[in-house]
Amino acid sequence: MLFRSLAPILNRDRGAVADRVKELIQTTLDNRSTGINILRVNVNKVDPPSQTVTVNNTDGTISQESVVDAFRDVQAAEQERDRVERQADAYANRRTAEHAVKARNFWKRQKATARAL
């Protein structure tokens, strides 16, 4: 199997996928001494499969699920995760800066008090 998942192709790693496909095709052609050189592989548009699949739910029921809908749900969850991570990083950076200022001011006061004694 060339790739373990469709996610890299469907998402943002199309360039890496295209490079790997080019490499594999070129190797095959070279092994067969065709004299053909692959210049470029374009991955223009890729969509998740439009089929539905049968799913065994945890409650024992069976339902039909759209692969496209599931893919969109995963993408939305990944985007939400990324948004929350960025928000947490921004909060951590703000709090770190605030406490660095407080610590600096604390030590300035301590030095001033020590000099006054």
C-alpha atoms as a PDB file:
ATOM      1  CA  MET A   1       0.000   0.000   0.000  1.00  0.00           C
ATOM      2  CA  LEU A   2       1.402   3.359  -1.046  1.00  0.00           C
ATOM      3  CA  PHE A   3      -0.071   5.445   1.790  1.00  0.00           C
ATOM      4  CA  ARG A   4      -1.705   4.310   4.983  1.00  0.00           C
ATOM      5  CA  SER A   5      -4.299   7.069   4.972  1.00  0.00           C
ATOM      6  CA  LEU A   6      -6.119   9.369   2.615  1.00  0.00           C
ATOM      7  CA  ALA A   7      -5.766  12.251   5.068  1.00  0.00           C
ATOM      8  CA  PRO A   8      -2.424  13.555   3.694  1.00  0.00           C
ATOM      9  CA  ILE A   9      -3.848  13.596   0.182  1.00  0.00           C
ATOM     10  CA  LEU A  10      -7.133  15.153   1.207  1.00  0.00           C
ATOM     11  CA  ASN A  11      -5.511  17.753   3.417  1.00  0.00           C
ATOM     12  CA  ARG A  12      -2.412  19.866   3.094  1.00  0.00           C
ATOM     13  CA  ASP A  13       0.330  17.347   2.332  1.00  0.00           C
ATOM     14  CA  ARG A  14      -0.418  16.977  -1.366  1.00  0.00           C
ATOM     15  CA  GLY A  15       3.040  18.188  -2.352  1.00  0.00           C
ATOM     16  CA  ALA A  16       4.751  15.489  -0.310  1.00  0.00           C
ATOM     17  CA  VAL A  17       2.355  12.890  -1.664  1.00  0.00           C
ATOM     18  CA  ALA A  18       2.994  14.025  -5.240  1.00  0.00           C
ATOM     19  CA  ASP A  19       6.767  13.862  -4.673  1.00  0.00           C
ATOM     20  CA  ARG A  20       6.538  10.330  -3.280  1.00  0.00           C
ATOM     21  CA  VAL A  21       4.299   9.169  -6.138  1.00  0.00           C
ATOM     22  CA  LYS A  22       6.731  10.688  -8.657  1.00  0.00           C
ATOM     23  CA  GLU A  23       9.611   8.861  -6.992  1.00  0.00           C
ATOM     24  CA  LEU A  24       7.796   5.511  -7.012  1.00  0.00           C
ATOM     25  CA  ILE A  25       6.698   5.845 -10.640  1.00  0.00           C
ATOM     26  CA  GLN A  26      10.196   6.859 -11.704  1.00  0.00           C
ATOM     27  CA  THR A  27      11.726   3.890  -9.868  1.00  0.00           C
ATOM     28  CA  THR A  28       9.314   1.532 -11.603  1.00  0.00           C
ATOM     29  CA  LEU A  29      10.081   3.033 -15.013  1.00  0.00           C
ATOM     30  CA  ASP A  30      13.836   2.932 -14.361  1.00  0.00           C
ATOM     31  CA  ASN A  31      13.649  -0.716 -13.265  1.00  0.00           C
ATOM     32  CA  ARG A  32      11.975  -1.529 -16.570  1.00  0.00           C
ATOM     33  CA  SER A  33      14.541   0.509 -18.541  1.00  0.00           C
ATOM     34  CA  THR A  34      11.838   2.538 -20.290  1.00  0.00           C
ATOM     35  CA  GLY A  35      13.923   5.674 -20.755  1.00  0.00           C
ATOM     36  CA  ILE A  36      10.956   7.749 -19.571  1.00  0.00           C
ATOM     37  CA  ASN A  37      11.564  10.544 -17.068  1.00  0.00           C
ATOM     38  CA  ILE A  38       8.729  11.808 -14.908  1.00  0.00           C
ATOM     39  CA  LEU A  39       8.988  15.570 -14.554  1.00  0.00           C
ATOM     40  CA  ARG A  40       6.080  16.272 -12.272  1.00  0.00           C
ATOM     41  CA  VAL A  41       3.041  14.714 -10.635  1.00  0.00           C
ATOM     42  CA  ASN A  42       0.102  17.023  -9.960  1.00  0.00           C
ATOM     43  CA  VAL A  43      -2.488  16.286  -7.319  1.00  0.00           C
ATOM     44  CA  ASN A  44      -5.125  18.803  -8.307  1.00  0.00           C
ATOM     45  CA  LYS A  45      -8.340  17.916  -6.544  1.00  0.00           C
ATOM     46  CA  VAL A  46      -9.030  15.098  -4.167  1.00  0.00           C
ATOM     47  CA  ASP A  47     -12.318  14.401  -2.430  1.00  0.00           C
ATOM     48  CA  PRO A  48     -13.153  11.795   0.186  1.00  0.00           C
ATOM     49  CA  PRO A  49     -15.136   8.808  -1.082  1.00  0.00           C
ATOM     50  CA  SER A  50     -18.807   9.650  -1.579  1.00  0.00           C
ATOM     51  CA  GLN A  51     -19.989   6.259  -0.387  1.00  0.00           C
ATOM     52  CA  THR A  52     -21.745   5.371   2.831  1.00  0.00           C
ATOM     53  CA  VAL A  53     -20.558   2.682   5.186  1.00  0.00           C
ATOM     54  CA  THR A  54     -22.315   0.463   7.686  1.00  0.00           C
ATOM     55  CA  VAL A  55     -21.362   1.274  11.268  1.00  0.00           C
ATOM     56  CA  ASN A  56     -21.935  -0.864  14.357  1.00  0.00           C
ATOM     57  CA  ASN A  57     -22.774   1.653  17.074  1.00  0.00           C
ATOM     58  CA  THR A  58     -21.783   1.199  20.712  1.00  0.00           C
ATOM     59  CA  ASP A  59     -25.427   0.694  21.671  1.00  0.00           C
ATOM     60  CA  GLY A  60     -25.630  -2.333  19.376  1.00  0.00           C
ATOM     61  CA  THR A  61     -27.546  -0.632  16.600  1.00  0.00           C
ATOM     62  CA  ILE A  62     -26.362  -0.489  12.997  1.00  0.00           C
ATOM     63  CA  SER A  63     -26.456   2.705  10.966  1.00  0.00           C
ATOM     64  CA  GLN A  64     -25.317   4.061   7.622  1.00  0.00           C
ATOM     65  CA  GLU A  65     -22.748   6.851   7.767  1.00  0.00           C
ATOM     66  CA  SER A  66     -21.477   9.077   4.981  1.00  0.00           C
ATOM     67  CA  VAL A  67     -17.704   8.992   4.553  1.00  0.00           C
ATOM     68  CA  VAL A  68     -17.791  12.626   3.404  1.00  0.00           C
ATOM     69  CA  ASP A  69     -19.681  13.709   6.526  1.00  0.00           C
ATOM     70  CA  ALA A  70     -17.295  11.788   8.774  1.00  0.00           C
ATOM     71  CA  PHE A  71     -14.309  13.346   7.014  1.00  0.00           C
ATOM     72  CA  ARG A  72     -15.779  16.830   7.478  1.00  0.00           C
ATOM     73  CA  ASP A  73     -16.424  16.091  11.162  1.00  0.00           C
ATOM     74  CA  VAL A  74     -12.793  15.073  11.605  1.00  0.00           C
ATOM     75  CA  GLN A  75     -11.576  18.192   9.795  1.00  0.00           C
ATOM     76  CA  ALA A  76     -13.790  20.402  11.971  1.00  0.00           C
ATOM     77  CA  ALA A  77     -12.507  18.687  15.129  1.00  0.00           C
ATOM     78  CA  GLU A  78      -8.883  19.126  14.014  1.00  0.00           C
ATOM     79  CA  GLN A  79      -9.479  22.812  13.285  1.00  0.00           C
ATOM     80  CA  GLU A  80     -11.115  23.265  16.683  1.00  0.00           C
ATOM     81  CA  ARG A  81      -8.176  21.497  18.366  1.00  0.00           C
ATOM     82  CA  ASP A  82      -5.717  23.778  16.548  1.00  0.00           C
ATOM     83  CA  ARG A  83      -7.744  26.866  17.528  1.00  0.00           C
ATOM     84  CA  VAL A  84      -7.830  25.832  21.201  1.00  0.00           C
ATOM     85  CA  GLU A  85      -4.081  25.073  21.172  1.00  0.00           C
ATOM     86  CA  ARG A  86      -3.337  28.536  19.743  1.00  0.00           C
ATOM     87  CA  GLN A  87      -5.624  30.100  22.329  1.00  0.00           C
ATOM     88  CA  ALA A  88      -3.907  28.189  25.161  1.00  0.00           C
ATOM     89  CA  ASP A  89      -0.461  29.182  23.874  1.00  0.00           C
ATOM     90  CA  ALA A  90      -1.514  32.833  23.727  1.00  0.00           C
ATOM     91  CA  TYR A  91      -2.872  32.639  27.278  1.00  0.00           C
ATOM     92  CA  ALA A  92       0.306  30.965  28.539  1.00  0.00           C
ATOM     93  CA  ASN A  93       2.474  33.588  26.843  1.00  0.00           C
ATOM     94  CA  ARG A  94       0.408  36.421  28.350  1.00  0.00           C
ATOM     95  CA  ARG A  95       0.532  34.939  31.848  1.00  0.00           C
ATOM     96  CA  THR A  96       4.262  34.249  31.600  1.00  0.00           C
ATOM     97  CA  ALA A  97       4.922  37.843  30.560  1.00  0.00           C
ATOM     98  CA  GLU A  98       2.714  39.202  33.349  1.00  0.00           C
ATOM     99  CA  HIS A  99       4.506  37.136  35.984  1.00  0.00           C
ATOM    100  CA  ALA A 100       7.914  38.022  34.595  1.00  0.00           C
ATOM    101  CA  VAL A 101       7.050  41.691  35.084  1.00  0.00           C
ATOM    102  CA  LYS A 102       5.766  41.001  38.617  1.00  0.00           C
ATOM    103  CA  ALA A 103       8.938  39.070  39.471  1.00  0.00           C
ATOM    104  CA  ARG A 104      11.152  41.840  38.074  1.00  0.00           C
ATOM    105  CA  ASN A 105       9.257  44.474  40.088  1.00  0.00           C
ATOM    106  CA  PHE A 106       9.442  42.323  43.204  1.00  0.00           C
ATOM    107  CA  TRP A 107      13.224  42.026  42.934  1.00  0.00           C
ATOM    108  CA  LYS A 108      13.566  45.760  42.270  1.00  0.00           C
ATOM    109  CA  ARG A 109      11.634  46.469  45.477  1.00  0.00           C
ATOM    110  CA  GLN A 110      13.755  43.948  47.392  1.00  0.00           C
ATOM    111  CA  LYS A 111      16.971  45.578  46.177  1.00  0.00           C
ATOM    112  CA  ALA A 112      15.653  49.029  47.011  1.00  0.00           C
ATOM    113  CA  THR A 113      14.675  47.865  50.520  1.00  0.00           C
ATOM    114  CA  ALA A 114      18.071  46.236  51.024  1.00  0.00           C
ATOM    115  CA  ARG A 115      19.853  49.444  49.976  1.00  0.00           C
ATOM    116  CA  ALA A 116      17.706  51.480  52.346  1.00  0.00           C
ATOM    117  CA  LEU A 117      18.777  49.363  55.299  1.00  0.00           C
END
